[in-house]
């Protein structure tokens, strides 16, 4: 059973199952104001979770690069062997290394230092 608290404008700002000093007004669960308030809260939480997920997604590329570099360090220090990795992972690492070396070569061609622009 929802007991509510209102702000100075009369809008619901809090809902509780029990009456307290703040929440003394009782409304039924199917009350339009209760439904609107809960809908607003749900939308806000959804928006917050979407923002969090977007932030997480934006860091995925950086994390992939960190993991790639970590694997390369582990291999260079002979902590793991390249062949210990699954074949698909080996292929992806080789592909990424080739792309990064091609990108590095390309950026050297168009840099101001070489005056080749």
PDB file of N, CA and C in Angstrom:
ATOM      1  N   UNK A   1       0.835  -1.174   0.000  1.00  0.00           N
ATOM      2  CA  UNK A   1       0.000   0.000   0.000  1.00  0.00           C
ATOM      3  C   UNK A   1       0.885   1.245   0.000  1.00  0.00           C
ATOM      4  N   UNK A   2       0.810   2.086  -1.012  1.00  0.00           N
ATOM      5  CA  UNK A   2       1.715   3.228  -1.092  1.00  0.00           C
ATOM      6  C   UNK A   2       1.275   4.438  -0.253  1.00  0.00           C
ATOM      7  N   UNK A   3       2.176   4.828   0.598  1.00  0.00           N
ATOM      8  CA  UNK A   3       2.047   6.092   1.313  1.00  0.00           C
ATOM      9  C   UNK A   3       3.024   7.041   0.637  1.00  0.00           C
ATOM     10  N   UNK A   4       2.605   8.275   0.457  1.00  0.00           N
ATOM     11  CA  UNK A   4       3.427   9.194  -0.334  1.00  0.00           C
ATOM     12  C   UNK A   4       3.828  10.425   0.465  1.00  0.00           C
ATOM     13  N   UNK A   5       4.872  11.061  -0.055  1.00  0.00           N
ATOM     14  CA  UNK A   5       5.318  12.354   0.445  1.00  0.00           C
ATOM     15  C   UNK A   5       5.319  13.291  -0.755  1.00  0.00           C
ATOM     16  N   UNK A   6       4.914  14.513  -0.547  1.00  0.00           N
ATOM     17  CA  UNK A   6       4.838  15.484  -1.650  1.00  0.00           C
ATOM     18  C   UNK A   6       5.794  16.645  -1.410  1.00  0.00           C
ATOM     19  N   UNK A   7       6.191  17.288  -2.509  1.00  0.00           N
ATOM     20  CA  UNK A   7       6.994  18.507  -2.381  1.00  0.00           C
ATOM     21  C   UNK A   7       6.062  19.708  -2.207  1.00  0.00           C
ATOM     22  N   UNK A   8       6.631  20.900  -2.151  1.00  0.00           N
ATOM     23  CA  UNK A   8       5.828  22.108  -1.913  1.00  0.00           C
ATOM     24  C   UNK A   8       4.867  22.420  -3.062  1.00  0.00           C
ATOM     25  N   UNK A   9       5.126  21.844  -4.240  1.00  0.00           N
ATOM     26  CA  UNK A   9       4.231  22.037  -5.384  1.00  0.00           C
ATOM     27  C   UNK A   9       3.158  20.965  -5.477  1.00  0.00           C
ATOM     28  N   UNK A  10       3.183  20.008  -4.537  1.00  0.00           N
ATOM     29  CA  UNK A  10       2.179  18.960  -4.531  1.00  0.00           C
ATOM     30  C   UNK A  10       2.535  17.727  -5.334  1.00  0.00           C
ATOM     31  N   UNK A  11       3.768  17.673  -5.857  1.00  0.00           N
ATOM     32  CA  UNK A  11       4.196  16.505  -6.633  1.00  0.00           C
ATOM     33  C   UNK A  11       4.749  15.430  -5.702  1.00  0.00           C
ATOM     34  N   UNK A  12       4.510  14.185  -6.061  1.00  0.00           N
ATOM     35  CA  UNK A  12       5.033  13.072  -5.278  1.00  0.00           C
ATOM     36  C   UNK A  12       6.554  13.057  -5.387  1.00  0.00           C
ATOM     37  N   UNK A  13       7.218  12.946  -4.253  1.00  0.00           N
ATOM     38  CA  UNK A  13       8.678  12.876  -4.252  1.00  0.00           C
ATOM     39  C   UNK A  13       9.193  11.597  -3.588  1.00  0.00           C
ATOM     40  N   UNK A  14       8.285  10.863  -2.908  1.00  0.00           N
ATOM     41  CA  UNK A  14       8.718   9.657  -2.228  1.00  0.00           C
ATOM     42  C   UNK A  14       7.512   8.753  -1.997  1.00  0.00           C
ATOM     43  N   UNK A  15       7.760   7.441  -2.102  1.00  0.00           N
ATOM     44  CA  UNK A  15       6.714   6.448  -1.859  1.00  0.00           C
ATOM     45  C   UNK A  15       7.238   5.441  -0.836  1.00  0.00           C
ATOM     46  N   UNK A  16       6.371   5.006   0.042  1.00  0.00           N
ATOM     47  CA  UNK A  16       6.747   4.042   1.067  1.00  0.00           C
ATOM     48  C   UNK A  16       5.605   3.051   1.272  1.00  0.00           C
ATOM     49  N   UNK A  17       5.955   1.853   1.768  1.00  0.00           N
ATOM     50  CA  UNK A  17       4.931   0.856   2.081  1.00  0.00           C
ATOM     51  C   UNK A  17       4.245   1.137   3.408  1.00  0.00           C
ATOM     52  N   UNK A  18       4.915   1.884   4.269  1.00  0.00           N
ATOM     53  CA  UNK A  18       4.389   2.159   5.611  1.00  0.00           C
ATOM     54  C   UNK A  18       4.281   3.661   5.833  1.00  0.00           C
ATOM     55  N   UNK A  19       3.331   4.028   6.630  1.00  0.00           N
ATOM     56  CA  UNK A  19       3.166   5.439   6.974  1.00  0.00           C
ATOM     57  C   UNK A  19       4.301   5.844   7.928  1.00  0.00           C
ATOM     58  N   UNK A  20       4.930   6.963   7.625  1.00  0.00           N
ATOM     59  CA  UNK A  20       5.956   7.529   8.499  1.00  0.00           C
ATOM     60  C   UNK A  20       5.593   8.992   8.708  1.00  0.00           C
ATOM     61  N   UNK A  21       6.477   9.730   9.362  1.00  0.00           N
ATOM     62  CA  UNK A  21       6.232  11.166   9.537  1.00  0.00           C
ATOM     63  C   UNK A  21       6.158  11.879   8.200  1.00  0.00           C
ATOM     64  N   UNK A  22       6.988  11.411   7.243  1.00  0.00           N
ATOM     65  CA  UNK A  22       7.011  12.046   5.925  1.00  0.00           C
ATOM     66  C   UNK A  22       5.922  11.513   4.999  1.00  0.00           C
ATOM     67  N   UNK A  23       5.694  10.210   5.033  1.00  0.00           N
ATOM     68  CA  UNK A  23       4.732   9.587   4.133  1.00  0.00           C
ATOM     69  C   UNK A  23       3.475   9.198   4.908  1.00  0.00           C
ATOM     70  N   UNK A  24       2.505  10.074   4.916  1.00  0.00           N
ATOM     71  CA  UNK A  24       1.268   9.776   5.637  1.00  0.00           C
ATOM     72  C   UNK A  24       0.057   9.710   4.721  1.00  0.00           C
ATOM     73  N   UNK A  25       0.179  10.302   3.544  1.00  0.00           N
ATOM     74  CA  UNK A  25      -0.963  10.280   2.629  1.00  0.00           C
ATOM     75  C   UNK A  25      -0.995   8.929   1.916  1.00  0.00           C
ATOM     76  N   UNK A  26      -2.130   8.296   1.933  1.00  0.00           N
ATOM     77  CA  UNK A  26      -2.288   6.984   1.306  1.00  0.00           C
ATOM     78  C   UNK A  26      -2.946   7.134  -0.055  1.00  0.00           C
ATOM     79  N   UNK A  27      -2.390   6.452  -1.054  1.00  0.00           N
ATOM     80  CA  UNK A  27      -3.007   6.363  -2.382  1.00  0.00           C
ATOM     81  C   UNK A  27      -3.015   4.904  -2.798  1.00  0.00           C
ATOM     82  N   UNK A  28      -3.982   4.509  -3.609  1.00  0.00           N
ATOM     83  CA  UNK A  28      -4.019   3.127  -4.098  1.00  0.00           C
ATOM     84  C   UNK A  28      -2.976   2.937  -5.186  1.00  0.00           C
ATOM     85  N   UNK A  29      -2.597   1.680  -5.400  1.00  0.00           N
ATOM     86  CA  UNK A  29      -1.555   1.371  -6.399  1.00  0.00           C
ATOM     87  C   UNK A  29      -1.937   1.789  -7.806  1.00  0.00           C
ATOM     88  N   UNK A  30      -3.202   1.834  -8.104  1.00  0.00           N
ATOM     89  CA  UNK A  30      -3.643   2.185  -9.460  1.00  0.00           C
ATOM     90  C   UNK A  30      -3.924   3.683  -9.620  1.00  0.00           C
ATOM     91  N   UNK A  31      -3.556   4.465  -8.616  1.00  0.00           N
ATOM     92  CA  UNK A  31      -3.738   5.910  -8.685  1.00  0.00           C
ATOM     93  C   UNK A  31      -2.867   6.472  -9.809  1.00  0.00           C
ATOM     94  N   UNK A  32      -3.433   7.397 -10.578  1.00  0.00           N
ATOM     95  CA  UNK A  32      -2.729   7.980 -11.725  1.00  0.00           C
ATOM     96  C   UNK A  32      -1.397   8.619 -11.318  1.00  0.00           C
ATOM     97  N   UNK A  33      -1.384   9.314 -10.191  1.00  0.00           N
ATOM     98  CA  UNK A  33      -0.147   9.968  -9.735  1.00  0.00           C
ATOM     99  C   UNK A  33       0.936   8.949  -9.384  1.00  0.00           C
ATOM    100  N   UNK A  34       0.521   7.853  -8.760  1.00  0.00           N
ATOM    101  CA  UNK A  34       1.474   6.790  -8.407  1.00  0.00           C
ATOM    102  C   UNK A  34       2.074   6.196  -9.675  1.00  0.00           C
ATOM    103  N   UNK A  35       1.224   5.903 -10.640  1.00  0.00           N
ATOM    104  CA  UNK A  35       1.679   5.313 -11.904  1.00  0.00           C
ATOM    105  C   UNK A  35       2.628   6.269 -12.620  1.00  0.00           C
ATOM    106  N   UNK A  36       2.293   7.549 -12.681  1.00  0.00           N
ATOM    107  CA  UNK A  36       3.160   8.538 -13.332  1.00  0.00           C
ATOM    108  C   UNK A  36       4.504   8.649 -12.617  1.00  0.00           C
ATOM    109  N   UNK A  37       4.475   8.677 -11.287  1.00  0.00           N
ATOM    110  CA  UNK A  37       5.713   8.786 -10.507  1.00  0.00           C
ATOM    111  C   UNK A  37       6.614   7.575 -10.744  1.00  0.00           C
ATOM    112  N   UNK A  38       6.040   6.381 -10.653  1.00  0.00           N
ATOM    113  CA  UNK A  38       6.829   5.163 -10.863  1.00  0.00           C
ATOM    114  C   UNK A  38       7.352   5.074 -12.298  1.00  0.00           C
ATOM    115  N   UNK A  39       6.555   5.532 -13.245  1.00  0.00           N
ATOM    116  CA  UNK A  39       6.990   5.546 -14.642  1.00  0.00           C
ATOM    117  C   UNK A  39       8.169   6.492 -14.819  1.00  0.00           C
ATOM    118  N   UNK A  40       8.089   7.655 -14.190  1.00  0.00           N
ATOM    119  CA  UNK A  40       9.176   8.639 -14.263  1.00  0.00           C
ATOM    120  C   UNK A  40      10.458   8.070 -13.644  1.00  0.00           C
ATOM    121  N   UNK A  41      10.324   7.400 -12.512  1.00  0.00           N
ATOM    122  CA  UNK A  41      11.477   6.784 -11.853  1.00  0.00           C
ATOM    123  C   UNK A  41      12.087   5.709 -12.750  1.00  0.00           C
ATOM    124  N   UNK A  42      11.248   4.869 -13.343  1.00  0.00           N
ATOM    125  CA  UNK A  42      11.728   3.792 -14.211  1.00  0.00           C
ATOM    126  C   UNK A  42      12.469   4.361 -15.420  1.00  0.00           C
ATOM    127  N   UNK A  43      11.911   5.424 -16.024  1.00  0.00           N
ATOM    128  CA  UNK A  43      12.570   6.047 -17.178  1.00  0.00           C
ATOM    129  C   UNK A  43      13.912   6.635 -16.779  1.00  0.00           C
ATOM    130  N   UNK A  44      13.974   7.250 -15.610  1.00  0.00           N
ATOM    131  CA  UNK A  44      15.214   7.838 -15.119  1.00  0.00           C
ATOM    132  C   UNK A  44      16.271   6.759 -14.897  1.00  0.00           C
ATOM    133  N   UNK A  45      15.866   5.643 -14.288  1.00  0.00           N
ATOM    134  CA  UNK A  45      16.801   4.549 -14.048  1.00  0.00           C
ATOM    135  C   UNK A  45      17.271   3.938 -15.356  1.00  0.00           C
ATOM    136  N   UNK A  46      16.365   3.820 -16.328  1.00  0.00           N
ATOM    137  CA  UNK A  46      16.735   3.294 -17.642  1.00  0.00           C
ATOM    138  C   UNK A  46      17.731   4.215 -18.311  1.00  0.00           C
ATOM    139  N   UNK A  47      17.470   5.526 -18.237  1.00  0.00           N
ATOM    140  CA  UNK A  47      18.374   6.507 -18.834  1.00  0.00           C
ATOM    141  C   UNK A  47      19.752   6.428 -18.164  1.00  0.00           C
ATOM    142  N   UNK A  48      19.773   6.309 -16.832  1.00  0.00           N
ATOM    143  CA  UNK A  48      21.041   6.194 -16.107  1.00  0.00           C
ATOM    144  C   UNK A  48      21.791   4.937 -16.510  1.00  0.00           C
ATOM    145  N   UNK A  49      21.068   3.811 -16.639  1.00  0.00           N
ATOM    146  CA  UNK A  49      21.740   2.566 -17.010  1.00  0.00           C
ATOM    147  C   UNK A  49      22.232   2.637 -18.452  1.00  0.00           C
ATOM    148  N   UNK A  50      21.483   3.289 -19.341  1.00  0.00           N
ATOM    149  CA  UNK A  50      21.935   3.447 -20.722  1.00  0.00           C
ATOM    150  C   UNK A  50      23.181   4.315 -20.779  1.00  0.00           C
ATOM    151  N   UNK A  51      23.241   5.369 -19.984  1.00  0.00           N
ATOM    152  CA  UNK A  51      24.425   6.216 -19.941  1.00  0.00           C
ATOM    153  C   UNK A  51      25.625   5.429 -19.426  1.00  0.00           C
ATOM    154  N   UNK A  52      25.413   4.601 -18.410  1.00  0.00           N
ATOM    155  CA  UNK A  52      26.489   3.782 -17.877  1.00  0.00           C
ATOM    156  C   UNK A  52      26.989   2.801 -18.933  1.00  0.00           C
ATOM    157  N   UNK A  53      26.052   2.150 -19.626  1.00  0.00           N
ATOM    158  CA  UNK A  53      26.433   1.193 -20.670  1.00  0.00           C
ATOM    159  C   UNK A  53      27.199   1.905 -21.779  1.00  0.00           C
ATOM    160  N   UNK A  54      26.762   3.101 -22.174  1.00  0.00           N
ATOM    161  CA  UNK A  54      27.461   3.857 -23.207  1.00  0.00           C
ATOM    162  C   UNK A  54      28.882   4.197 -22.776  1.00  0.00           C
ATOM    163  N   UNK A  55      29.054   4.578 -21.504  1.00  0.00           N
ATOM    164  CA  UNK A  55      30.400   4.853 -20.998  1.00  0.00           C
ATOM    165  C   UNK A  55      31.258   3.597 -21.043  1.00  0.00           C
ATOM    166  N   UNK A  56      30.674   2.481 -20.680  1.00  0.00           N
ATOM    167  CA  UNK A  56      31.392   1.216 -20.696  1.00  0.00           C
ATOM    168  C   UNK A  56      31.797   0.845 -22.121  1.00  0.00           C
ATOM    169  N   UNK A  57      30.885   1.008 -23.064  1.00  0.00           N
ATOM    170  CA  UNK A  57      31.165   0.689 -24.465  1.00  0.00           C
ATOM    171  C   UNK A  57      32.286   1.573 -25.003  1.00  0.00           C
ATOM    172  N   UNK A  58      32.267   2.860 -24.624  1.00  0.00           N
ATOM    173  CA  UNK A  58      33.309   3.774 -25.105  1.00  0.00           C
ATOM    174  C   UNK A  58      34.702   3.365 -24.621  1.00  0.00           C
ATOM    175  N   UNK A  59      34.796   2.631 -23.525  1.00  0.00           N
ATOM    176  CA  UNK A  59      36.102   2.195 -23.032  1.00  0.00           C
ATOM    177  C   UNK A  59      36.520   0.840 -23.593  1.00  0.00           C
ATOM    178  N   UNK A  60      35.625   0.164 -24.296  1.00  0.00           N
ATOM    179  CA  UNK A  60      35.940  -1.171 -24.808  1.00  0.00           C
ATOM    180  C   UNK A  60      37.157  -1.173 -25.737  1.00  0.00           C
ATOM    181  N   UNK A  61      37.250  -0.221 -26.648  1.00  0.00           N
ATOM    182  CA  UNK A  61      38.387  -0.185 -27.570  1.00  0.00           C
ATOM    183  C   UNK A  61      39.703   0.008 -26.829  1.00  0.00           C
ATOM    184  N   UNK A  62      39.690   0.883 -25.840  1.00  0.00           N
ATOM    185  CA  UNK A  62      40.908   1.110 -25.062  1.00  0.00           C
ATOM    186  C   UNK A  62      41.289  -0.154 -24.292  1.00  0.00           C
ATOM    187  N   UNK A  63      40.291  -0.840 -23.735  1.00  0.00           N
ATOM    188  CA  UNK A  63      40.582  -2.070 -22.993  1.00  0.00           C
ATOM    189  C   UNK A  63      41.113  -3.151 -23.929  1.00  0.00           C
ATOM    190  N   UNK A  64      40.577  -3.241 -25.129  1.00  0.00           N
ATOM    191  CA  UNK A  64      41.073  -4.225 -26.091  1.00  0.00           C
ATOM    192  C   UNK A  64      42.539  -3.959 -26.404  1.00  0.00           C
ATOM    193  N   UNK A  65      42.889  -2.701 -26.558  1.00  0.00           N
ATOM    194  CA  UNK A  65      44.284  -2.335 -26.836  1.00  0.00           C
ATOM    195  C   UNK A  65      45.182  -2.691 -25.645  1.00  0.00           C
ATOM    196  N   UNK A  66      44.702  -2.444 -24.436  1.00  0.00           N
ATOM    197  CA  UNK A  66      45.472  -2.775 -23.238  1.00  0.00           C
ATOM    198  C   UNK A  66      45.701  -4.279 -23.155  1.00  0.00           C
ATOM    199  N   UNK A  67      44.663  -5.051 -23.416  1.00  0.00           N
ATOM    200  CA  UNK A  67      44.791  -6.510 -23.349  1.00  0.00           C
ATOM    201  C   UNK A  67      45.737  -7.012 -24.429  1.00  0.00           C
ATOM    202  N   UNK A  68      45.641  -6.426 -25.617  1.00  0.00           N
ATOM    203  CA  UNK A  68      46.555  -6.803 -26.697  1.00  0.00           C
ATOM    204  C   UNK A  68      47.999  -6.522 -26.296  1.00  0.00           C
ATOM    205  N   UNK A  69      48.237  -5.347 -25.725  1.00  0.00           N
ATOM    206  CA  UNK A  69      49.586  -5.003 -25.274  1.00  0.00           C
ATOM    207  C   UNK A  69      50.041  -5.922 -24.140  1.00  0.00           C
ATOM    208  N   UNK A  70      49.139  -6.255 -23.243  1.00  0.00           N
ATOM    209  CA  UNK A  70      49.462  -7.158 -22.139  1.00  0.00           C
ATOM    210  C   UNK A  70      49.870  -8.532 -22.666  1.00  0.00           C
ATOM    211  N   UNK A  71      49.132  -9.061 -23.619  1.00  0.00           N
ATOM    212  CA  UNK A  71      49.469 -10.355 -24.210  1.00  0.00           C
ATOM    213  C   UNK A  71      50.857 -10.281 -24.847  1.00  0.00           C
ATOM    214  N   UNK A  72      51.136  -9.190 -25.555  1.00  0.00           N
ATOM    215  CA  UNK A  72      52.452  -9.039 -26.181  1.00  0.00           C
ATOM    216  C   UNK A  72      53.568  -8.998 -25.142  1.00  0.00           C
ATOM    217  N   UNK A  73      53.351  -8.327 -24.020  1.00  0.00           N
ATOM    218  CA  UNK A  73      54.351  -8.279 -22.948  1.00  0.00           C
ATOM    219  C   UNK A  73      54.557  -9.667 -22.349  1.00  0.00           C
ATOM    220  N   UNK A  74      53.476 -10.389 -22.106  1.00  0.00           N
ATOM    221  CA  UNK A  74      53.585 -11.742 -21.545  1.00  0.00           C
ATOM    222  C   UNK A  74      54.353 -12.670 -22.482  1.00  0.00           C
ATOM    223  N   UNK A  75      54.121 -12.518 -23.774  1.00  0.00           N
ATOM    224  CA  UNK A  75      54.843 -13.327 -24.757  1.00  0.00           C
ATOM    225  C   UNK A  75      56.316 -12.920 -24.788  1.00  0.00           C
ATOM    226  N   UNK A  76      56.590 -11.624 -24.807  1.00  0.00           N
ATOM    227  CA  UNK A  76      57.976 -11.132 -24.855  1.00  0.00           C
ATOM    228  C   UNK A  76      58.774 -11.574 -23.633  1.00  0.00           C
ATOM    229  N   UNK A  77      58.133 -11.683 -22.490  1.00  0.00           N
ATOM    230  CA  UNK A  77      58.813 -12.101 -21.256  1.00  0.00           C
ATOM    231  C   UNK A  77      58.784 -13.621 -21.078  1.00  0.00           C
ATOM    232  N   UNK A  78      58.330 -14.335 -22.090  1.00  0.00           N
ATOM    233  CA  UNK A  78      58.238 -15.799 -22.069  1.00  0.00           C
ATOM    234  C   UNK A  78      57.408 -16.327 -20.904  1.00  0.00           C
ATOM    235  N   UNK A  79      56.411 -15.561 -20.509  1.00  0.00           N
ATOM    236  CA  UNK A  79      55.485 -16.024 -19.469  1.00  0.00           C
ATOM    237  C   UNK A  79      54.445 -16.944 -20.099  1.00  0.00           C
ATOM    238  N   UNK A  80      54.045 -16.599 -21.316  1.00  0.00           N
ATOM    239  CA  UNK A  80      53.196 -17.488 -22.103  1.00  0.00           C
ATOM    240  C   UNK A  80      53.816 -17.586 -23.490  1.00  0.00           C
ATOM    241  N   UNK A  81      53.488 -18.653 -24.182  1.00  0.00           N
ATOM    242  CA  UNK A  81      53.921 -18.808 -25.565  1.00  0.00           C
ATOM    243  C   UNK A  81      52.780 -18.387 -26.475  1.00  0.00           C
ATOM    244  N   UNK A  82      53.133 -17.801 -27.592  1.00  0.00           N
ATOM    245  CA  UNK A  82      52.118 -17.397 -28.557  1.00  0.00           C
ATOM    246  C   UNK A  82      51.259 -18.592 -28.941  1.00  0.00           C
ATOM    247  N   UNK A  83      51.889 -19.748 -29.059  1.00  0.00           N
ATOM    248  CA  UNK A  83      51.158 -20.959 -29.464  1.00  0.00           C
ATOM    249  C   UNK A  83      50.252 -21.498 -28.362  1.00  0.00           C
ATOM    250  N   UNK A  84      50.380 -20.986 -27.136  1.00  0.00           N
ATOM    251  CA  UNK A  84      49.460 -21.371 -26.055  1.00  0.00           C
ATOM    252  C   UNK A  84      48.072 -20.784 -26.278  1.00  0.00           C
ATOM    253  N   UNK A  85      48.014 -19.723 -27.039  1.00  0.00           N
ATOM    254  CA  UNK A  85      46.735 -19.062 -27.296  1.00  0.00           C
ATOM    255  C   UNK A  85      45.924 -19.882 -28.289  1.00  0.00           C
ATOM    256  N   UNK A  86      44.607 -19.809 -28.212  1.00  0.00           N
ATOM    257  CA  UNK A  86      43.780 -20.502 -29.216  1.00  0.00           C
ATOM    258  C   UNK A  86      44.094 -19.953 -30.612  1.00  0.00           C
ATOM    259  N   UNK A  87      43.930 -20.805 -31.593  1.00  0.00           N
ATOM    260  CA  UNK A  87      44.270 -20.449 -32.973  1.00  0.00           C
ATOM    261  C   UNK A  87      43.556 -19.174 -33.416  1.00  0.00           C
ATOM    262  N   UNK A  88      42.292 -19.025 -33.074  1.00  0.00           N
ATOM    263  CA  UNK A  88      41.538 -17.829 -33.456  1.00  0.00           C
ATOM    264  C   UNK A  88      42.154 -16.581 -32.824  1.00  0.00           C
ATOM    265  N   UNK A  89      42.578 -16.679 -31.572  1.00  0.00           N
ATOM    266  CA  UNK A  89      43.224 -15.547 -30.899  1.00  0.00           C
ATOM    267  C   UNK A  89      44.554 -15.227 -31.568  1.00  0.00           C
ATOM    268  N   UNK A  90      45.299 -16.253 -31.955  1.00  0.00           N
ATOM    269  CA  UNK A  90      46.570 -16.032 -32.653  1.00  0.00           C
ATOM    270  C   UNK A  90      46.344 -15.266 -33.950  1.00  0.00           C
ATOM    271  N   UNK A  91      45.346 -15.699 -34.705  1.00  0.00           N
ATOM    272  CA  UNK A  91      45.041 -15.036 -35.988  1.00  0.00           C
ATOM    273  C   UNK A  91      44.640 -13.580 -35.779  1.00  0.00           C
ATOM    274  N   UNK A  92      43.811 -13.338 -34.761  1.00  0.00           N
ATOM    275  CA  UNK A  92      43.381 -11.963 -34.494  1.00  0.00           C
ATOM    276  C   UNK A  92      44.558 -11.092 -34.076  1.00  0.00           C
ATOM    277  N   UNK A  93      45.437 -11.618 -33.244  1.00  0.00           N
ATOM    278  CA  UNK A  93      46.610 -10.836 -32.822  1.00  0.00           C
ATOM    279  C   UNK A  93      47.522 -10.530 -33.996  1.00  0.00           C
ATOM    280  N   UNK A  94      47.760 -11.511 -34.846  1.00  0.00           N
ATOM    281  CA  UNK A  94      48.601 -11.287 -36.025  1.00  0.00           C
ATOM    282  C   UNK A  94      47.957 -10.248 -36.939  1.00  0.00           C
ATOM    283  N   UNK A  95      46.666 -10.354 -37.135  1.00  0.00           N
ATOM    284  CA  UNK A  95      45.946  -9.393 -37.970  1.00  0.00           C
ATOM    285  C   UNK A  95      46.066  -7.982 -37.397  1.00  0.00           C
ATOM    286  N   UNK A  96      45.871  -7.846 -36.079  1.00  0.00           N
ATOM    287  CA  UNK A  96      45.983  -6.529 -35.435  1.00  0.00           C
ATOM    288  C   UNK A  96      47.410  -5.994 -35.526  1.00  0.00           C
ATOM    289  N   UNK A  97      48.393  -6.862 -35.338  1.00  0.00           N
ATOM    290  CA  UNK A  97      49.787  -6.414 -35.440  1.00  0.00           C
ATOM    291  C   UNK A  97      50.077  -5.910 -36.840  1.00  0.00           C
ATOM    292  N   UNK A  98      49.571  -6.619 -37.843  1.00  0.00           N
ATOM    293  CA  UNK A  98      49.766  -6.181 -39.236  1.00  0.00           C
ATOM    294  C   UNK A  98      49.090  -4.835 -39.484  1.00  0.00           C
ATOM    295  N   UNK A  99      47.864  -4.683 -38.985  1.00  0.00           N
ATOM    296  CA  UNK A  99      47.156  -3.412 -39.172  1.00  0.00           C
ATOM    297  C   UNK A  99      47.895  -2.275 -38.477  1.00  0.00           C
ATOM    298  N   UNK A 100      48.375  -2.518 -37.272  1.00  0.00           N
ATOM    299  CA  UNK A 100      49.075  -1.466 -36.536  1.00  0.00           C
ATOM    300  C   UNK A 100      50.393  -1.102 -37.216  1.00  0.00           C
ATOM    301  N   UNK A 101      51.108  -2.092 -37.742  1.00  0.00           N
ATOM    302  CA  UNK A 101      52.361  -1.771 -38.418  1.00  0.00           C
ATOM    303  C   UNK A 101      52.086  -1.025 -39.726  1.00  0.00           C
ATOM    304  N   UNK A 102      51.028  -1.402 -40.442  1.00  0.00           N
ATOM    305  CA  UNK A 102      50.647  -0.680 -41.670  1.00  0.00           C
ATOM    306  C   UNK A 102      50.247   0.757 -41.345  1.00  0.00           C
ATOM    307  N   UNK A 103      49.509   0.931 -40.249  1.00  0.00           N
ATOM    308  CA  UNK A 103      49.106   2.271 -39.839  1.00  0.00           C
ATOM    309  C   UNK A 103      50.325   3.108 -39.464  1.00  0.00           C
ATOM    310  N   UNK A 104      51.268   2.501 -38.760  1.00  0.00           N
ATOM    311  CA  UNK A 104      52.495   3.211 -38.370  1.00  0.00           C
ATOM    312  C   UNK A 104      53.281   3.618 -39.611  1.00  0.00           C
ATOM    313  N   UNK A 105      53.393   2.719 -40.593  1.00  0.00           N
ATOM    314  CA  UNK A 105      54.110   3.038 -41.828  1.00  0.00           C
ATOM    315  C   UNK A 105      53.408   4.150 -42.583  1.00  0.00           C
ATOM    316  N   UNK A 106      52.086   4.099 -42.629  1.00  0.00           N
ATOM    317  CA  UNK A 106      51.313   5.132 -43.319  1.00  0.00           C
ATOM    318  C   UNK A 106      51.474   6.475 -42.626  1.00  0.00           C
ATOM    319  N   UNK A 107      51.414   6.491 -41.305  1.00  0.00           N
ATOM    320  CA  UNK A 107      51.527   7.761 -40.591  1.00  0.00           C
ATOM    321  C   UNK A 107      52.915   8.357 -40.747  1.00  0.00           C
ATOM    322  N   UNK A 108      53.936   7.520 -40.917  1.00  0.00           N
ATOM    323  CA  UNK A 108      55.283   8.036 -41.176  1.00  0.00           C
ATOM    324  C   UNK A 108      55.364   8.706 -42.538  1.00  0.00           C
ATOM    325  N   UNK A 109      54.602   8.205 -43.508  1.00  0.00           N
ATOM    326  CA  UNK A 109      54.596   8.789 -44.840  1.00  0.00           C
ATOM    327  C   UNK A 109      53.963  10.171 -44.875  1.00  0.00           C
ATOM    328  N   UNK A 110      52.992  10.406 -44.044  1.00  0.00           N
ATOM    329  CA  UNK A 110      52.263  11.649 -44.098  1.00  0.00           C
ATOM    330  C   UNK A 110      52.607  12.592 -42.936  1.00  0.00           C
ATOM    331  N   UNK A 111      53.668  12.339 -42.224  1.00  0.00           N
ATOM    332  CA  UNK A 111      54.003  13.183 -41.088  1.00  0.00           C
ATOM    333  C   UNK A 111      54.730  14.433 -41.536  1.00  0.00           C
ATOM    334  N   UNK A 112      54.648  15.482 -40.722  1.00  0.00           N
ATOM    335  CA  UNK A 112      55.354  16.727 -41.006  1.00  0.00           C
ATOM    336  C   UNK A 112      56.844  16.555 -40.895  1.00  0.00           C
ATOM    337  N   UNK A 113      57.311  15.618 -40.059  1.00  0.00           N
ATOM    338  CA  UNK A 113      58.739  15.429 -39.850  1.00  0.00           C
ATOM    339  C   UNK A 113      59.440  15.049 -41.147  1.00  0.00           C
ATOM    340  N   UNK A 114      58.771  14.233 -41.977  1.00  0.00           N
ATOM    341  CA  UNK A 114      59.382  13.765 -43.212  1.00  0.00           C
ATOM    342  C   UNK A 114      59.132  14.713 -44.380  1.00  0.00           C
ATOM    343  N   UNK A 115      58.313  15.723 -44.165  1.00  0.00           N
ATOM    344  CA  UNK A 115      57.971  16.700 -45.217  1.00  0.00           C
ATOM    345  C   UNK A 115      57.475  16.020 -46.496  1.00  0.00           C
ATOM    346  N   UNK A 116      56.736  14.972 -46.377  1.00  0.00           N
ATOM    347  CA  UNK A 116      56.229  14.238 -47.535  1.00  0.00           C
ATOM    348  C   UNK A 116      54.748  14.485 -47.740  1.00  0.00           C
ATOM    349  N   UNK A 117      54.147  15.320 -47.005  1.00  0.00           N
ATOM    350  CA  UNK A 117      52.696  15.498 -47.078  1.00  0.00           C
ATOM    351  C   UNK A 117      52.232  15.823 -48.462  1.00  0.00           C
TER     352      UNK A 117
END
